[in-house]
Amino acid sequence: MAAFSFVLRTAAGFPVSATARKRAEALFRRYGQPVLLFSWLPVVGDPLTLAAGLLRTPLTLFLIFVTIGKAARYAIVLWLMP
């Protein structure tokens, strides 16, 4: 699986640049798994989820944090709609 991940990361057209991936890994290491609450953000969301996978975040914690973050986003969107 790690070899496949390396091939994917170096492929042209991969949606996350190396710079964004390194920045996301640094954020992930600094703040830990709760940073996944911001996975819904347009620019940093994909690199954060990629960093979570590369840093081997347990699936249950990943799903909990991402679900809470996305649910909060949609709750705010619904609240703001007239």
N, C-alpha and C. Protein backbone atom coordinates (compact mmCIF):
# COMPACT_ATOMS: atom_id res chain seq x y z
N MET A 1 0.82 -1.19 0.00
CA MET A 1 0.00 0.00 0.00
C MET A 1 0.86 1.25 0.00
N ALA A 2 1.95 1.25 0.76
CA ALA A 2 2.83 2.42 0.80
C ALA A 2 3.46 2.68 -0.55
N ALA A 3 3.82 1.62 -1.27
CA ALA A 3 4.40 1.79 -2.61
C ALA A 3 3.37 2.41 -3.54
N PHE A 4 2.13 1.99 -3.46
CA PHE A 4 1.07 2.56 -4.28
C PHE A 4 0.87 4.03 -3.94
N SER A 5 0.94 4.36 -2.66
CA SER A 5 0.81 5.75 -2.22
C SER A 5 1.93 6.61 -2.80
N PHE A 6 3.15 6.08 -2.84
CA PHE A 6 4.28 6.82 -3.40
C PHE A 6 4.07 7.07 -4.89
N VAL A 7 3.62 6.07 -5.61
CA VAL A 7 3.37 6.21 -7.04
C VAL A 7 2.28 7.24 -7.27
N LEU A 8 1.25 7.21 -6.46
CA LEU A 8 0.15 8.15 -6.59
C LEU A 8 0.61 9.58 -6.33
N ARG A 9 1.43 9.76 -5.29
CA ARG A 9 1.88 11.11 -4.93
C ARG A 9 2.77 11.72 -6.00
N THR A 10 3.49 10.90 -6.74
CA THR A 10 4.40 11.44 -7.75
C THR A 10 3.74 11.52 -9.12
N ALA A 11 2.52 11.06 -9.25
CA ALA A 11 1.83 11.08 -10.55
C ALA A 11 1.41 12.49 -10.91
N ALA A 12 1.47 12.77 -12.20
CA ALA A 12 0.99 14.07 -12.68
C ALA A 12 -0.52 14.13 -12.49
N GLY A 13 -1.01 15.27 -12.09
CA GLY A 13 -2.44 15.41 -11.89
C GLY A 13 -2.91 15.05 -10.49
N PHE A 14 -1.99 14.70 -9.59
CA PHE A 14 -2.38 14.40 -8.21
C PHE A 14 -2.92 15.68 -7.60
N PRO A 15 -4.07 15.66 -6.94
CA PRO A 15 -4.74 16.89 -6.53
C PRO A 15 -4.05 17.68 -5.43
N VAL A 16 -3.02 17.13 -4.79
CA VAL A 16 -2.36 17.82 -3.69
C VAL A 16 -0.88 17.99 -4.03
N SER A 17 -0.42 19.23 -4.02
CA SER A 17 0.99 19.49 -4.33
C SER A 17 1.87 19.03 -3.17
N ALA A 18 3.15 18.85 -3.45
CA ALA A 18 4.09 18.42 -2.42
C ALA A 18 4.18 19.46 -1.31
N THR A 19 4.13 20.72 -1.66
CA THR A 19 4.19 21.79 -0.66
C THR A 19 2.97 21.76 0.25
N ALA A 20 1.80 21.60 -0.33
CA ALA A 20 0.57 21.54 0.48
C ALA A 20 0.58 20.31 1.37
N ARG A 21 1.08 19.20 0.85
CA ARG A 21 1.14 17.97 1.65
C ARG A 21 2.07 18.15 2.84
N LYS A 22 3.24 18.75 2.62
CA LYS A 22 4.19 18.95 3.72
C LYS A 22 3.62 19.91 4.76
N ARG A 23 2.93 20.95 4.31
CA ARG A 23 2.31 21.91 5.23
C ARG A 23 1.23 21.21 6.06
N ALA A 24 0.44 20.38 5.41
CA ALA A 24 -0.62 19.67 6.12
C ALA A 24 -0.04 18.67 7.12
N GLU A 25 1.03 17.98 6.75
CA GLU A 25 1.67 17.05 7.68
C GLU A 25 2.22 17.79 8.89
N ALA A 26 2.80 18.98 8.68
CA ALA A 26 3.31 19.77 9.80
C ALA A 26 2.18 20.19 10.73
N LEU A 27 1.06 20.65 10.15
CA LEU A 27 -0.11 21.01 10.97
C LEU A 27 -0.64 19.81 11.74
N PHE A 28 -0.68 18.69 11.05
CA PHE A 28 -1.21 17.47 11.66
C PHE A 28 -0.33 17.02 12.82
N ARG A 29 0.98 17.10 12.63
CA ARG A 29 1.90 16.70 13.71
C ARG A 29 1.83 17.68 14.89
N ARG A 30 1.64 18.96 14.58
CA ARG A 30 1.62 19.97 15.64
C ARG A 30 0.34 19.92 16.47
N TYR A 31 -0.82 19.83 15.80
CA TYR A 31 -2.09 19.91 16.50
C TYR A 31 -2.78 18.56 16.70
N GLY A 32 -2.32 17.53 16.05
CA GLY A 32 -2.89 16.21 16.24
C GLY A 32 -4.16 15.97 15.43
N GLN A 33 -4.85 14.94 15.79
CA GLN A 33 -6.02 14.49 15.03
C GLN A 33 -7.20 15.47 15.05
N PRO A 34 -7.39 16.30 16.08
CA PRO A 34 -8.52 17.23 16.03
C PRO A 34 -8.45 18.24 14.87
N VAL A 35 -7.29 18.39 14.24
CA VAL A 35 -7.19 19.29 13.10
C VAL A 35 -8.07 18.79 11.94
N LEU A 36 -8.46 17.53 11.98
CA LEU A 36 -9.35 16.98 10.95
C LEU A 36 -10.75 17.61 11.00
N LEU A 37 -11.07 18.33 12.07
CA LEU A 37 -12.34 19.05 12.12
C LEU A 37 -12.41 20.09 11.01
N PHE A 38 -11.25 20.50 10.48
CA PHE A 38 -11.19 21.49 9.41
C PHE A 38 -11.02 20.86 8.04
N SER A 39 -11.33 19.60 7.92
CA SER A 39 -11.18 18.91 6.63
C SER A 39 -12.17 19.39 5.59
N TRP A 40 -13.18 20.14 5.98
CA TRP A 40 -14.18 20.65 5.05
C TRP A 40 -13.71 21.92 4.35
N LEU A 41 -12.62 22.53 4.80
CA LEU A 41 -12.13 23.76 4.18
C LEU A 41 -11.65 23.50 2.76
N PRO A 42 -11.92 24.41 1.85
CA PRO A 42 -11.60 24.18 0.44
C PRO A 42 -10.13 23.97 0.13
N VAL A 43 -9.23 24.74 0.70
CA VAL A 43 -7.82 24.67 0.31
C VAL A 43 -7.05 23.64 1.12
N VAL A 44 -7.30 23.55 2.41
CA VAL A 44 -6.50 22.67 3.26
C VAL A 44 -7.16 21.32 3.55
N GLY A 45 -8.40 21.15 3.18
CA GLY A 45 -9.12 19.92 3.52
C GLY A 45 -8.53 18.67 2.91
N ASP A 46 -8.25 18.68 1.62
CA ASP A 46 -7.68 17.50 0.96
C ASP A 46 -6.30 17.16 1.49
N PRO A 47 -5.39 18.14 1.63
CA PRO A 47 -4.08 17.80 2.18
C PRO A 47 -4.16 17.27 3.62
N LEU A 48 -5.11 17.78 4.41
CA LEU A 48 -5.24 17.27 5.78
C LEU A 48 -5.66 15.81 5.80
N THR A 49 -6.62 15.46 4.96
CA THR A 49 -7.06 14.07 4.94
C THR A 49 -5.96 13.16 4.37
N LEU A 50 -5.20 13.67 3.41
CA LEU A 50 -4.07 12.91 2.90
C LEU A 50 -3.02 12.70 3.98
N ALA A 51 -2.70 13.75 4.73
CA ALA A 51 -1.73 13.65 5.81
C ALA A 51 -2.20 12.65 6.87
N ALA A 52 -3.51 12.66 7.15
CA ALA A 52 -4.05 11.71 8.12
C ALA A 52 -3.82 10.28 7.66
N GLY A 53 -4.01 10.03 6.39
CA GLY A 53 -3.78 8.69 5.86
C GLY A 53 -2.31 8.31 5.87
N LEU A 54 -1.45 9.24 5.45
CA LEU A 54 -0.02 8.96 5.41
C LEU A 54 0.57 8.76 6.80
N LEU A 55 -0.01 9.45 7.79
CA LEU A 55 0.47 9.33 9.16
C LEU A 55 -0.28 8.25 9.94
N ARG A 56 -1.06 7.46 9.22
CA ARG A 56 -1.74 6.28 9.77
C ARG A 56 -2.68 6.59 10.93
N THR A 57 -3.56 7.54 10.72
CA THR A 57 -4.59 7.84 11.72
C THR A 57 -5.58 6.69 11.75
N PRO A 58 -5.95 6.23 12.94
CA PRO A 58 -6.95 5.16 13.02
C PRO A 58 -8.25 5.58 12.34
N LEU A 59 -8.85 4.67 11.61
CA LEU A 59 -10.03 4.95 10.81
C LEU A 59 -11.18 5.49 11.66
N THR A 60 -11.38 4.93 12.85
CA THR A 60 -12.50 5.39 13.68
C THR A 60 -12.33 6.85 14.09
N LEU A 61 -11.12 7.24 14.50
CA LEU A 61 -10.88 8.63 14.87
C LEU A 61 -11.02 9.55 13.66
N PHE A 62 -10.52 9.10 12.51
CA PHE A 62 -10.64 9.87 11.28
C PHE A 62 -12.11 10.14 10.97
N LEU A 63 -12.91 9.09 11.00
CA LEU A 63 -14.34 9.23 10.68
C LEU A 63 -15.06 10.12 11.68
N ILE A 64 -14.71 10.01 12.95
CA ILE A 64 -15.36 10.84 13.98
C ILE A 64 -15.08 12.32 13.73
N PHE A 65 -13.80 12.68 13.57
CA PHE A 65 -13.44 14.08 13.41
C PHE A 65 -13.96 14.67 12.10
N VAL A 66 -13.84 13.93 11.01
CA VAL A 66 -14.30 14.44 9.72
C VAL A 66 -15.83 14.58 9.72
N THR A 67 -16.54 13.63 10.30
CA THR A 67 -18.00 13.70 10.36
C THR A 67 -18.46 14.89 11.20
N ILE A 68 -17.82 15.11 12.34
CA ILE A 68 -18.19 16.25 13.19
C ILE A 68 -17.93 17.56 12.44
N GLY A 69 -16.79 17.67 11.79
CA GLY A 69 -16.46 18.89 11.05
C GLY A 69 -17.43 19.17 9.92
N LYS A 70 -17.73 18.16 9.14
CA LYS A 70 -18.65 18.35 8.01
C LYS A 70 -20.08 18.59 8.49
N ALA A 71 -20.49 17.91 9.54
CA ALA A 71 -21.84 18.13 10.08
C ALA A 71 -21.98 19.56 10.61
N ALA A 72 -20.94 20.06 11.26
CA ALA A 72 -20.97 21.44 11.76
C ALA A 72 -21.06 22.42 10.60
N ARG A 73 -20.33 22.16 9.54
CA ARG A 73 -20.38 23.03 8.36
C ARG A 73 -21.80 23.10 7.80
N TYR A 74 -22.41 21.94 7.59
CA TYR A 74 -23.75 21.93 7.00
C TYR A 74 -24.79 22.48 7.96
N ALA A 75 -24.59 22.33 9.26
CA ALA A 75 -25.52 22.91 10.23
C ALA A 75 -25.45 24.43 10.14
N ILE A 76 -24.25 24.98 9.99
CA ILE A 76 -24.10 26.44 9.86
C ILE A 76 -24.71 26.93 8.56
N VAL A 77 -24.47 26.19 7.47
CA VAL A 77 -25.05 26.57 6.18
C VAL A 77 -26.57 26.58 6.26
N LEU A 78 -27.17 25.57 6.87
CA LEU A 78 -28.62 25.53 7.01
C LEU A 78 -29.14 26.64 7.91
N TRP A 79 -28.38 26.98 8.95
CA TRP A 79 -28.78 28.03 9.86
C TRP A 79 -28.75 29.39 9.17
N LEU A 80 -27.78 29.59 8.26
CA LEU A 80 -27.64 30.87 7.58
C LEU A 80 -28.63 31.06 6.44
N MET A 81 -29.18 29.97 5.95
CA MET A 81 -30.14 30.07 4.83
C MET A 81 -31.45 30.65 5.34
N PRO A 82 -32.07 31.53 4.52
CA PRO A 82 -33.35 32.14 4.96
C PRO A 82 -34.50 31.16 4.89
